[in-house]
Structures are given as structure tokens and as C-alpha cells.
Amino acid sequence: MVESPCSGLLQGAEEYLRSVAARRGTHREIAAMLNTVIQEWDEQHSGTGIPQPATA
């Protein structure tokens, strides 16, 4: 799943992938790739009715 995070996100593994990206000990390149994919996911799904944090 870490090697193909887009598939994991589509299958509902968002929390898991976020935890792997933030986990201490995850290889930097893997964490960076996961963070990039997760950020793109967030941008694509920000207008889908999912509550987003309020910004001031």
C-alpha cells in the first residue's frame, strides 16, 4: 500500500497512510512521497462535502 498510496487512499486507508508518513523511522523519501500524494488527495477532495478545518 505504501508503494501505491493512491490505491490505498481510494480503498479507505487515508488514516494509515497519514500515520506512516508521520511515523518516526519512516524513510524520508517514502514520507515525502506519501505527504505529496496525501496533499494532492486533500486538494482534490476539499469540495466534496467533507468538513475542512476553518481558517481565520
N, C-alpha and C. Protein backbone atom coordinates (compact mmCIF):
# COMPACT_ATOMS: atom_id res chain seq x y z
N MET A 1 0.82 -1.18 0.00
CA MET A 1 0.00 0.00 0.00
C MET A 1 0.87 1.25 0.00
N VAL A 2 1.99 1.19 0.67
CA VAL A 2 2.88 2.35 0.72
C VAL A 2 3.50 2.59 -0.66
N GLU A 3 3.69 1.52 -1.42
CA GLU A 3 4.26 1.66 -2.76
C GLU A 3 3.25 2.21 -3.75
N SER A 4 1.97 2.10 -3.46
CA SER A 4 0.93 2.59 -4.34
C SER A 4 -0.14 3.30 -3.50
N PRO A 5 0.21 4.46 -2.93
CA PRO A 5 -0.67 5.13 -1.98
C PRO A 5 -1.98 5.62 -2.58
N CYS A 6 -1.99 5.94 -3.86
CA CYS A 6 -3.26 6.39 -4.47
C CYS A 6 -4.30 5.30 -4.36
N SER A 7 -3.90 4.07 -4.61
CA SER A 7 -4.81 2.94 -4.49
C SER A 7 -5.26 2.78 -3.05
N GLY A 8 -4.33 2.95 -2.12
CA GLY A 8 -4.67 2.86 -0.71
C GLY A 8 -5.68 3.92 -0.29
N LEU A 9 -5.50 5.13 -0.79
CA LEU A 9 -6.44 6.20 -0.47
C LEU A 9 -7.83 5.88 -1.01
N LEU A 10 -7.90 5.36 -2.21
CA LEU A 10 -9.18 5.00 -2.80
C LEU A 10 -9.87 3.89 -2.03
N GLN A 11 -9.09 3.07 -1.36
CA GLN A 11 -9.64 1.95 -0.61
C GLN A 11 -9.90 2.29 0.86
N GLY A 12 -9.67 3.55 1.23
CA GLY A 12 -10.00 3.99 2.58
C GLY A 12 -8.89 3.92 3.60
N ALA A 13 -7.65 3.87 3.14
CA ALA A 13 -6.52 3.76 4.06
C ALA A 13 -5.86 5.10 4.36
N GLU A 14 -6.63 6.16 4.28
CA GLU A 14 -6.07 7.50 4.47
C GLU A 14 -5.41 7.66 5.84
N GLU A 15 -6.08 7.26 6.90
CA GLU A 15 -5.51 7.40 8.25
C GLU A 15 -4.22 6.62 8.38
N TYR A 16 -4.20 5.40 7.85
CA TYR A 16 -3.00 4.58 7.92
C TYR A 16 -1.84 5.24 7.19
N LEU A 17 -2.09 5.72 5.98
CA LEU A 17 -1.02 6.35 5.19
C LEU A 17 -0.52 7.62 5.86
N ARG A 18 -1.44 8.39 6.45
CA ARG A 18 -1.02 9.59 7.19
C ARG A 18 -0.13 9.20 8.38
N SER A 19 -0.49 8.11 9.05
CA SER A 19 0.31 7.70 10.21
C SER A 19 1.68 7.21 9.78
N VAL A 20 1.76 6.50 8.66
CA VAL A 20 3.06 6.04 8.16
C VAL A 20 3.92 7.25 7.78
N ALA A 21 3.31 8.24 7.12
CA ALA A 21 4.06 9.43 6.70
C ALA A 21 4.60 10.19 7.91
N ALA A 22 3.85 10.19 9.00
CA ALA A 22 4.26 10.95 10.20
C ALA A 22 5.10 10.12 11.16
N ARG A 23 5.13 8.83 10.96
CA ARG A 23 5.81 7.93 11.89
C ARG A 23 7.32 8.17 11.91
N ARG A 24 7.84 8.19 13.09
CA ARG A 24 9.28 8.28 13.26
C ARG A 24 9.89 6.98 12.77
N GLY A 25 10.90 7.06 11.96
CA GLY A 25 11.53 5.86 11.43
C GLY A 25 11.15 5.56 10.00
N THR A 26 10.11 6.25 9.47
CA THR A 26 9.77 6.07 8.06
C THR A 26 10.85 6.75 7.24
N HIS A 27 11.33 6.07 6.24
CA HIS A 27 12.38 6.62 5.37
C HIS A 27 11.92 7.97 4.83
N ARG A 28 12.81 8.94 4.81
CA ARG A 28 12.46 10.31 4.39
C ARG A 28 11.84 10.38 3.01
N GLU A 29 12.37 9.62 2.08
CA GLU A 29 11.84 9.66 0.72
C GLU A 29 10.42 9.09 0.65
N ILE A 30 10.17 8.05 1.42
CA ILE A 30 8.82 7.46 1.47
C ILE A 30 7.86 8.45 2.11
N ALA A 31 8.27 9.06 3.23
CA ALA A 31 7.42 10.03 3.91
C ALA A 31 7.11 11.22 3.01
N ALA A 32 8.11 11.70 2.29
CA ALA A 32 7.90 12.84 1.39
C ALA A 32 6.93 12.47 0.28
N MET A 33 7.07 11.29 -0.30
CA MET A 33 6.18 10.85 -1.36
C MET A 33 4.76 10.70 -0.83
N LEU A 34 4.61 10.11 0.35
CA LEU A 34 3.28 9.96 0.94
C LEU A 34 2.65 11.32 1.22
N ASN A 35 3.43 12.24 1.77
CA ASN A 35 2.90 13.58 2.07
C ASN A 35 2.45 14.29 0.80
N THR A 36 3.20 14.13 -0.29
CA THR A 36 2.82 14.74 -1.56
C THR A 36 1.50 14.16 -2.06
N VAL A 37 1.39 12.84 -2.04
CA VAL A 37 0.17 12.19 -2.51
C VAL A 37 -1.02 12.57 -1.63
N ILE A 38 -0.81 12.60 -0.32
CA ILE A 38 -1.89 12.96 0.60
C ILE A 38 -2.32 14.41 0.39
N GLN A 39 -1.37 15.30 0.16
CA GLN A 39 -1.70 16.70 -0.09
C GLN A 39 -2.54 16.83 -1.37
N GLU A 40 -2.15 16.12 -2.42
CA GLU A 40 -2.92 16.14 -3.67
C GLU A 40 -4.32 15.58 -3.43
N TRP A 41 -4.42 14.52 -2.63
CA TRP A 41 -5.71 13.93 -2.29
C TRP A 41 -6.59 14.96 -1.57
N ASP A 42 -6.00 15.65 -0.60
CA ASP A 42 -6.75 16.67 0.14
C ASP A 42 -7.24 17.77 -0.78
N GLU A 43 -6.40 18.21 -1.70
CA GLU A 43 -6.79 19.28 -2.63
C GLU A 43 -7.92 18.82 -3.55
N GLN A 44 -7.87 17.60 -4.00
CA GLN A 44 -8.90 17.07 -4.91
C GLN A 44 -10.23 16.84 -4.20
N HIS A 45 -10.16 16.55 -2.91
CA HIS A 45 -11.38 16.20 -2.19
C HIS A 45 -11.84 17.27 -1.21
N SER A 46 -11.32 18.48 -1.34
CA SER A 46 -11.67 19.54 -0.39
C SER A 46 -13.09 20.06 -0.61
N GLY A 47 -13.66 19.90 -1.79
CA GLY A 47 -15.00 20.41 -2.06
C GLY A 47 -16.05 19.31 -2.15
N THR A 48 -15.84 18.17 -1.53
CA THR A 48 -16.76 17.04 -1.66
C THR A 48 -17.72 16.90 -0.49
N GLY A 49 -17.88 17.94 0.29
CA GLY A 49 -18.79 17.87 1.42
C GLY A 49 -18.14 17.37 2.70
N ILE A 50 -16.88 17.05 2.63
CA ILE A 50 -16.16 16.62 3.83
C ILE A 50 -15.75 17.87 4.60
N PRO A 51 -16.14 17.97 5.86
CA PRO A 51 -15.78 19.17 6.63
C PRO A 51 -14.28 19.39 6.66
N GLN A 52 -13.88 20.61 6.42
CA GLN A 52 -12.48 21.00 6.46
C GLN A 52 -12.28 21.95 7.63
N PRO A 53 -11.10 21.97 8.21
CA PRO A 53 -10.84 22.89 9.32
C PRO A 53 -11.04 24.34 8.90
N ALA A 54 -11.61 25.11 9.77
CA ALA A 54 -11.82 26.53 9.50
C ALA A 54 -10.50 27.28 9.58
N THR A 55 -10.32 28.25 8.70
CA THR A 55 -9.12 29.09 8.74
C THR A 55 -9.55 30.53 8.95
N ALA A 56 -8.75 31.24 9.70
CA ALA A 56 -9.10 32.64 10.01
C ALA A 56 -8.41 33.58 9.05
